[in-house]
Amino acid sequence: MWRHEFSVRKLIMWVRHLPTDSALASRGYAGDDRWGATDHLLATVADYVNLLDFHFLKANGGKNLTDPKWMDRPDMTLKL
């Protein structure tokens, strides 16, 4: 008879490799580094659209403008 040994290490490995749209991953149990390349590229595009909008408004007489905020990324240690 086959007996499957299940360890905590295997459970952690399975949870970390869940798809990003799974229930556990969306609740944060799979770690904060669940962003893929597409997510990072979309965040970068959004950051630069905000930056271009800021410069456009500033060049056309915008007053009391604050610098645009960069989107938070879960696995970035160095902010742009």
C-alpha atoms as a PDB file:
ATOM      1  CA  MET A   1       0.000   0.000   0.000  1.00  0.00           C
ATOM      2  CA  TRP A   2       1.330   3.430  -0.969  1.00  0.00           C
ATOM      3  CA  ARG A   3       1.693   5.921   1.843  1.00  0.00           C
ATOM      4  CA  HIS A   4       2.214   9.555   0.962  1.00  0.00           C
ATOM      5  CA  GLU A   5       4.479  11.433   3.320  1.00  0.00           C
ATOM      6  CA  PHE A   6       3.392  15.058   3.579  1.00  0.00           C
ATOM      7  CA  SER A   7       5.784  17.520   5.160  1.00  0.00           C
ATOM      8  CA  VAL A   8       5.530  21.152   6.118  1.00  0.00           C
ATOM      9  CA  ARG A   9       8.322  21.906   3.669  1.00  0.00           C
ATOM     10  CA  LYS A  10       6.269  20.496   0.781  1.00  0.00           C
ATOM     11  CA  LEU A  11       3.247  22.502   1.880  1.00  0.00           C
ATOM     12  CA  ILE A  12       5.254  25.728   1.944  1.00  0.00           C
ATOM     13  CA  MET A  13       6.691  24.953  -1.483  1.00  0.00           C
ATOM     14  CA  TRP A  14       3.221  24.338  -2.923  1.00  0.00           C
ATOM     15  CA  VAL A  15       1.796  27.516  -1.436  1.00  0.00           C
ATOM     16  CA  ARG A  16       4.680  29.634  -2.749  1.00  0.00           C
ATOM     17  CA  HIS A  17       4.182  28.301  -6.269  1.00  0.00           C
ATOM     18  CA  LEU A  18       0.433  28.847  -6.450  1.00  0.00           C
ATOM     19  CA  PRO A  19      -0.912  30.833  -9.393  1.00  0.00           C
ATOM     20  CA  THR A  20      -1.206  34.552  -8.688  1.00  0.00           C
ATOM     21  CA  ASP A  21      -4.987  34.462  -9.006  1.00  0.00           C
ATOM     22  CA  SER A  22      -5.493  31.684  -6.469  1.00  0.00           C
ATOM     23  CA  ALA A  23      -7.374  32.370  -3.243  1.00  0.00           C
ATOM     24  CA  LEU A  24      -4.360  31.860  -0.978  1.00  0.00           C
ATOM     25  CA  ALA A  25      -2.066  34.008  -3.094  1.00  0.00           C
ATOM     26  CA  SER A  26      -4.600  36.832  -3.254  1.00  0.00           C
ATOM     27  CA  ARG A  27      -4.880  36.790   0.546  1.00  0.00           C
ATOM     28  CA  GLY A  28      -1.107  37.216   0.840  1.00  0.00           C
ATOM     29  CA  TYR A  29      -0.208  33.745   2.077  1.00  0.00           C
ATOM     30  CA  ALA A  30       2.012  33.076  -0.921  1.00  0.00           C
ATOM     31  CA  GLY A  31       4.326  35.966  -0.123  1.00  0.00           C
ATOM     32  CA  ASP A  32       4.541  39.521  -1.361  1.00  0.00           C
ATOM     33  CA  ASP A  33       6.670  38.792  -4.392  1.00  0.00           C
ATOM     34  CA  ARG A  34       3.787  37.559  -6.532  1.00  0.00           C
ATOM     35  CA  TRP A  35       4.152  40.200  -9.260  1.00  0.00           C
ATOM     36  CA  GLY A  36       5.102  38.887 -12.667  1.00  0.00           C
ATOM     37  CA  ALA A  37       6.881  40.706 -15.472  1.00  0.00           C
ATOM     38  CA  THR A  38       3.587  41.993 -16.900  1.00  0.00           C
ATOM     39  CA  ASP A  39       2.570  43.488 -13.567  1.00  0.00           C
ATOM     40  CA  HIS A  40       5.911  45.279 -13.242  1.00  0.00           C
ATOM     41  CA  LEU A  41       5.703  46.604 -16.802  1.00  0.00           C
ATOM     42  CA  LEU A  42       2.169  47.912 -16.263  1.00  0.00           C
ATOM     43  CA  ALA A  43       3.223  49.625 -13.038  1.00  0.00           C
ATOM     44  CA  THR A  44       6.169  51.232 -14.854  1.00  0.00           C
ATOM     45  CA  VAL A  45       3.896  52.460 -17.651  1.00  0.00           C
ATOM     46  CA  ALA A  46       1.490  53.931 -15.083  1.00  0.00           C
ATOM     47  CA  ASP A  47       4.395  55.651 -13.290  1.00  0.00           C
ATOM     48  CA  TYR A  48       5.663  57.284 -16.466  1.00  0.00           C
ATOM     49  CA  VAL A  49       2.181  58.337 -17.610  1.00  0.00           C
ATOM     50  CA  ASN A  50       1.771  60.077 -14.250  1.00  0.00           C
ATOM     51  CA  LEU A  51       5.207  61.676 -14.651  1.00  0.00           C
ATOM     52  CA  LEU A  52       4.435  62.905 -18.188  1.00  0.00           C
ATOM     53  CA  ASP A  53       1.104  64.307 -17.016  1.00  0.00           C
ATOM     54  CA  PHE A  54       2.883  66.123 -14.182  1.00  0.00           C
ATOM     55  CA  HIS A  55       5.433  67.683 -16.553  1.00  0.00           C
ATOM     56  CA  PHE A  56       2.717  68.655 -19.047  1.00  0.00           C
ATOM     57  CA  LEU A  57       0.694  70.416 -16.369  1.00  0.00           C
ATOM     58  CA  LYS A  58       3.785  72.107 -14.923  1.00  0.00           C
ATOM     59  CA  ALA A  59       4.921  73.330 -18.361  1.00  0.00           C
ATOM     60  CA  ASN A  60       1.478  74.759 -19.059  1.00  0.00           C
ATOM     61  CA  GLY A  61       1.219  76.881 -15.955  1.00  0.00           C
ATOM     62  CA  GLY A  62       0.220  74.396 -13.284  1.00  0.00           C
ATOM     63  CA  LYS A  63       0.846  75.751  -9.813  1.00  0.00           C
ATOM     64  CA  ASN A  64       1.080  74.024  -6.449  1.00  0.00           C
ATOM     65  CA  LEU A  65       1.716  70.649  -8.030  1.00  0.00           C
ATOM     66  CA  THR A  66       3.278  67.909  -5.962  1.00  0.00           C
ATOM     67  CA  ASP A  67       5.679  65.411  -7.462  1.00  0.00           C
ATOM     68  CA  PRO A  68       3.922  62.265  -8.654  1.00  0.00           C
ATOM     69  CA  LYS A  69       4.154  59.195  -6.433  1.00  0.00           C
ATOM     70  CA  TRP A  70       5.585  55.979  -7.782  1.00  0.00           C
ATOM     71  CA  MET A  71       3.419  52.904  -7.492  1.00  0.00           C
ATOM     72  CA  ASP A  72       4.416  50.608  -4.661  1.00  0.00           C
ATOM     73  CA  ARG A  73       5.892  47.335  -5.779  1.00  0.00           C
ATOM     74  CA  PRO A  74       6.007  44.451  -3.337  1.00  0.00           C
ATOM     75  CA  ASP A  75       9.541  43.275  -4.065  1.00  0.00           C
ATOM     76  CA  MET A  76      11.347  46.550  -4.719  1.00  0.00           C
ATOM     77  CA  THR A  77      13.945  47.642  -2.227  1.00  0.00           C
ATOM     78  CA  LEU A  78      15.147  50.625  -4.258  1.00  0.00           C
ATOM     79  CA  LYS A  79      12.578  53.257  -5.183  1.00  0.00           C
ATOM     80  CA  LEU A  80      12.971  55.219  -8.400  1.00  0.00           C
END
